[in-house]
Amino acid sequence: MSVHWIMAADVPVMKEGIFHTQIIFLKEDPAKTEDAELIGEMCVILTEKV
């Protein structure tokens, strides 16, 4: 499944002593998906601070 990136915000968020980076993205052709109301999804990936 291809993903269309609309914003990749490198904003560190402190949660439980771990820095996270929030990336907000949209599915490609969200109107064709069954869950069309869930257009925007957010995934949090771990980032390491050196």
PDB file of N, CA and C in Angstrom:
ATOM      1  N   MET A   1       0.845  -1.191   0.000  1.00  0.00           N
ATOM      2  CA  MET A   1       0.000   0.000   0.000  1.00  0.00           C
ATOM      3  C   MET A   1       0.880   1.240   0.000  1.00  0.00           C
ATOM      4  N   SER A   2       0.683   2.067  -0.982  1.00  0.00           N
ATOM      5  CA  SER A   2       1.480   3.283  -1.061  1.00  0.00           C
ATOM      6  C   SER A   2       0.911   4.351  -0.134  1.00  0.00           C
ATOM      7  N   VAL A   3       1.783   5.190   0.349  1.00  0.00           N
ATOM      8  CA  VAL A   3       1.383   6.228   1.301  1.00  0.00           C
ATOM      9  C   VAL A   3       1.775   7.588   0.757  1.00  0.00           C
ATOM     10  N   HIS A   4       0.860   8.531   0.865  1.00  0.00           N
ATOM     11  CA  HIS A   4       1.125   9.894   0.406  1.00  0.00           C
ATOM     12  C   HIS A   4       1.439  10.758   1.622  1.00  0.00           C
ATOM     13  N   TRP A   5       2.676  11.240   1.690  1.00  0.00           N
ATOM     14  CA  TRP A   5       3.092  12.028   2.843  1.00  0.00           C
ATOM     15  C   TRP A   5       2.671  13.481   2.669  1.00  0.00           C
ATOM     16  N   ILE A   6       1.947  14.002   3.656  1.00  0.00           N
ATOM     17  CA  ILE A   6       1.567  15.407   3.592  1.00  0.00           C
ATOM     18  C   ILE A   6       2.399  16.243   4.554  1.00  0.00           C
ATOM     19  N   MET A   7       2.875  15.629   5.630  1.00  0.00           N
ATOM     20  CA  MET A   7       3.696  16.382   6.566  1.00  0.00           C
ATOM     21  C   MET A   7       4.564  15.428   7.365  1.00  0.00           C
ATOM     22  N   ALA A   8       5.819  15.751   7.468  1.00  0.00           N
ATOM     23  CA  ALA A   8       6.726  14.980   8.307  1.00  0.00           C
ATOM     24  C   ALA A   8       7.370  15.937   9.300  1.00  0.00           C
ATOM     25  N   ALA A   9       6.736  16.073  10.440  1.00  0.00           N
ATOM     26  CA  ALA A   9       7.196  17.037  11.432  1.00  0.00           C
ATOM     27  C   ALA A   9       8.214  16.388  12.361  1.00  0.00           C
ATOM     28  N   ASP A  10       9.422  16.891  12.340  1.00  0.00           N
ATOM     29  CA  ASP A  10      10.459  16.375  13.226  1.00  0.00           C
ATOM     30  C   ASP A  10      10.366  17.091  14.564  1.00  0.00           C
ATOM     31  N   VAL A  11       9.287  16.810  15.277  1.00  0.00           N
ATOM     32  CA  VAL A  11       9.042  17.455  16.564  1.00  0.00           C
ATOM     33  C   VAL A  11       9.209  16.418  17.667  1.00  0.00           C
ATOM     34  N   PRO A  12      10.276  16.529  18.439  1.00  0.00           N
ATOM     35  CA  PRO A  12      10.487  15.561  19.513  1.00  0.00           C
ATOM     36  C   PRO A  12       9.454  15.720  20.618  1.00  0.00           C
ATOM     37  N   VAL A  13       8.859  14.602  21.008  1.00  0.00           N
ATOM     38  CA  VAL A  13       7.869  14.610  22.080  1.00  0.00           C
ATOM     39  C   VAL A  13       8.358  13.686  23.186  1.00  0.00           C
ATOM     40  N   MET A  14       8.463  14.232  24.396  1.00  0.00           N
ATOM     41  CA  MET A  14       8.968  13.435  25.505  1.00  0.00           C
ATOM     42  C   MET A  14       7.831  12.617  26.095  1.00  0.00           C
ATOM     43  N   LYS A  15       7.962  11.292  26.007  1.00  0.00           N
ATOM     44  CA  LYS A  15       6.944  10.425  26.579  1.00  0.00           C
ATOM     45  C   LYS A  15       7.627   9.261  27.278  1.00  0.00           C
ATOM     46  N   GLU A  16       7.433   9.170  28.571  1.00  0.00           N
ATOM     47  CA  GLU A  16       8.009   8.082  29.359  1.00  0.00           C
ATOM     48  C   GLU A  16       9.524   8.026  29.207  1.00  0.00           C
ATOM     49  N   GLY A  17      10.137   9.195  29.144  1.00  0.00           N
ATOM     50  CA  GLY A  17      11.593   9.250  29.088  1.00  0.00           C
ATOM     51  C   GLY A  17      12.179   8.920  27.732  1.00  0.00           C
ATOM     52  N   ILE A  18      11.320   8.820  26.707  1.00  0.00           N
ATOM     53  CA  ILE A  18      11.799   8.485  25.371  1.00  0.00           C
ATOM     54  C   ILE A  18      11.350   9.568  24.400  1.00  0.00           C
ATOM     55  N   PHE A  19      12.262   9.986  23.535  1.00  0.00           N
ATOM     56  CA  PHE A  19      11.909  10.974  22.531  1.00  0.00           C
ATOM     57  C   PHE A  19      11.215  10.300  21.358  1.00  0.00           C
ATOM     58  N   HIS A  20      10.082  10.845  20.972  1.00  0.00           N
ATOM     59  CA  HIS A  20       9.337  10.318  19.842  1.00  0.00           C
ATOM     60  C   HIS A  20       9.261  11.386  18.755  1.00  0.00           C
ATOM     61  N   THR A  21       9.099  10.943  17.533  1.00  0.00           N
ATOM     62  CA  THR A  21       8.899  11.865  16.418  1.00  0.00           C
ATOM     63  C   THR A  21       7.560  11.565  15.781  1.00  0.00           C
ATOM     64  N   GLN A  22       6.728  12.586  15.686  1.00  0.00           N
ATOM     65  CA  GLN A  22       5.401  12.396  15.125  1.00  0.00           C
ATOM     66  C   GLN A  22       5.424  12.612  13.624  1.00  0.00           C
ATOM     67  N   ILE A  23       4.878  11.651  12.900  1.00  0.00           N
ATOM     68  CA  ILE A  23       4.772  11.780  11.448  1.00  0.00           C
ATOM     69  C   ILE A  23       3.314  11.608  11.054  1.00  0.00           C
ATOM     70  N   ILE A  24       2.754  12.636  10.445  1.00  0.00           N
ATOM     71  CA  ILE A  24       1.358  12.593  10.025  1.00  0.00           C
ATOM     72  C   ILE A  24       1.315  12.363   8.520  1.00  0.00           C
ATOM     73  N   PHE A  25       0.499  11.412   8.107  1.00  0.00           N
ATOM     74  CA  PHE A  25       0.446  11.105   6.689  1.00  0.00           C
ATOM     75  C   PHE A  25      -0.970  10.740   6.275  1.00  0.00           C
ATOM     76  N   LEU A  26      -1.222  10.788   4.996  1.00  0.00           N
ATOM     77  CA  LEU A  26      -2.511  10.395   4.437  1.00  0.00           C
ATOM     78  C   LEU A  26      -2.330   9.198   3.523  1.00  0.00           C
ATOM     79  N   LYS A  27      -3.352   8.360   3.492  1.00  0.00           N
ATOM     80  CA  LYS A  27      -3.325   7.255   2.543  1.00  0.00           C
ATOM     81  C   LYS A  27      -3.521   7.801   1.131  1.00  0.00           C
ATOM     82  N   GLU A  28      -2.983   7.100   0.178  1.00  0.00           N
ATOM     83  CA  GLU A  28      -3.186   7.499  -1.209  1.00  0.00           C
ATOM     84  C   GLU A  28      -4.592   7.093  -1.621  1.00  0.00           C
ATOM     85  N   ASP A  29      -5.334   8.027  -2.230  1.00  0.00           N
ATOM     86  CA  ASP A  29      -6.732   7.816  -2.601  1.00  0.00           C
ATOM     87  C   ASP A  29      -7.566   7.369  -1.398  1.00  0.00           C
ATOM     88  N   PRO A  30      -7.709   8.222  -0.381  1.00  0.00           N
ATOM     89  CA  PRO A  30      -8.440   7.831   0.825  1.00  0.00           C
ATOM     90  C   PRO A  30      -9.928   7.620   0.565  1.00  0.00           C
ATOM     91  N   ALA A  31     -10.452   8.234  -0.497  1.00  0.00           N
ATOM     92  CA  ALA A  31     -11.883   8.117  -0.776  1.00  0.00           C
ATOM     93  C   ALA A  31     -12.243   6.721  -1.264  1.00  0.00           C
ATOM     94  N   LYS A  32     -11.236   5.981  -1.733  1.00  0.00           N
ATOM     95  CA  LYS A  32     -11.506   4.646  -2.258  1.00  0.00           C
ATOM     96  C   LYS A  32     -11.388   3.576  -1.176  1.00  0.00           C
ATOM     97  N   THR A  33     -10.997   3.992   0.015  1.00  0.00           N
ATOM     98  CA  THR A  33     -10.857   3.024   1.093  1.00  0.00           C
ATOM     99  C   THR A  33     -12.172   2.882   1.835  1.00  0.00           C
ATOM    100  N   GLU A  34     -12.337   1.765   2.526  1.00  0.00           N
ATOM    101  CA  GLU A  34     -13.580   1.524   3.253  1.00  0.00           C
ATOM    102  C   GLU A  34     -13.728   2.487   4.419  1.00  0.00           C
ATOM    103  N   ASP A  35     -12.620   2.780   5.083  1.00  0.00           N
ATOM    104  CA  ASP A  35     -12.665   3.727   6.196  1.00  0.00           C
ATOM    105  C   ASP A  35     -12.271   5.109   5.697  1.00  0.00           C
ATOM    106  N   ALA A  36     -13.142   5.685   4.882  1.00  0.00           N
ATOM    107  CA  ALA A  36     -12.837   6.979   4.272  1.00  0.00           C
ATOM    108  C   ALA A  36     -12.823   8.096   5.314  1.00  0.00           C
ATOM    109  N   GLU A  37     -13.522   7.882   6.450  1.00  0.00           N
ATOM    110  CA  GLU A  37     -13.547   8.921   7.470  1.00  0.00           C
ATOM    111  C   GLU A  37     -12.198   9.011   8.176  1.00  0.00           C
ATOM    112  N   LEU A  38     -11.437   7.912   8.114  1.00  0.00           N
ATOM    113  CA  LEU A  38     -10.115   7.931   8.728  1.00  0.00           C
ATOM    114  C   LEU A  38      -9.088   8.354   7.693  1.00  0.00           C
ATOM    115  N   ILE A  39      -9.218   9.593   7.240  1.00  0.00           N
ATOM    116  CA  ILE A  39      -8.325  10.079   6.188  1.00  0.00           C
ATOM    117  C   ILE A  39      -6.913  10.261   6.736  1.00  0.00           C
ATOM    118  N   GLY A  40      -6.821  10.912   7.879  1.00  0.00           N
ATOM    119  CA  GLY A  40      -5.500  11.167   8.444  1.00  0.00           C
ATOM    120  C   GLY A  40      -5.122  10.117   9.463  1.00  0.00           C
ATOM    121  N   GLU A  41      -3.894   9.634   9.369  1.00  0.00           N
ATOM    122  CA  GLU A  41      -3.389   8.686  10.347  1.00  0.00           C
ATOM    123  C   GLU A  41      -2.102   9.235  10.924  1.00  0.00           C
ATOM    124  N   MET A  42      -1.811   8.849  12.143  1.00  0.00           N
ATOM    125  CA  MET A  42      -0.584   9.315  12.775  1.00  0.00           C
ATOM    126  C   MET A  42       0.185   8.121  13.319  1.00  0.00           C
ATOM    127  N   CYS A  43       1.437   8.056  12.986  1.00  0.00           N
ATOM    128  CA  CYS A  43       2.272   6.999  13.543  1.00  0.00           C
ATOM    129  C   CYS A  43       3.435   7.650  14.269  1.00  0.00           C
ATOM    130  N   VAL A  44       3.835   7.047  15.364  1.00  0.00           N
ATOM    131  CA  VAL A  44       4.926   7.582  16.163  1.00  0.00           C
ATOM    132  C   VAL A  44       6.103   6.621  16.077  1.00  0.00           C
ATOM    133  N   ILE A  45       7.230   7.141  15.631  1.00  0.00           N
ATOM    134  CA  ILE A  45       8.423   6.305  15.527  1.00  0.00           C
ATOM    135  C   ILE A  45       9.452   6.766  16.544  1.00  0.00           C
ATOM    136  N   LEU A  46      10.237   5.817  17.002  1.00  0.00           N
ATOM    137  CA  LEU A  46      11.244   6.132  18.007  1.00  0.00           C
ATOM    138  C   LEU A  46      12.433   6.827  17.363  1.00  0.00           C
ATOM    139  N   THR A  47      12.936   7.838  18.056  1.00  0.00           N
ATOM    140  CA  THR A  47      14.130   8.528  17.576  1.00  0.00           C
ATOM    141  C   THR A  47      15.157   8.544  18.700  1.00  0.00           C
ATOM    142  N   GLU A  48      16.401   8.403  18.340  1.00  0.00           N
ATOM    143  CA  GLU A  48      17.468   8.402  19.329  1.00  0.00           C
ATOM    144  C   GLU A  48      18.176   9.750  19.321  1.00  0.00           C
ATOM    145  N   LYS A  49      18.292  10.338  20.498  1.00  0.00           N
ATOM    146  CA  LYS A  49      19.018  11.594  20.625  1.00  0.00           C
ATOM    147  C   LYS A  49      20.449  11.289  21.034  1.00  0.00           C
ATOM    148  N   VAL A  50      21.392  11.742  20.209  1.00  0.00           N
ATOM    149  CA  VAL A  50      22.794  11.457  20.490  1.00  0.00           C
ATOM    150  C   VAL A  50      23.325  12.486  21.487  1.00  0.00           C
TER     151      VAL A  50
END
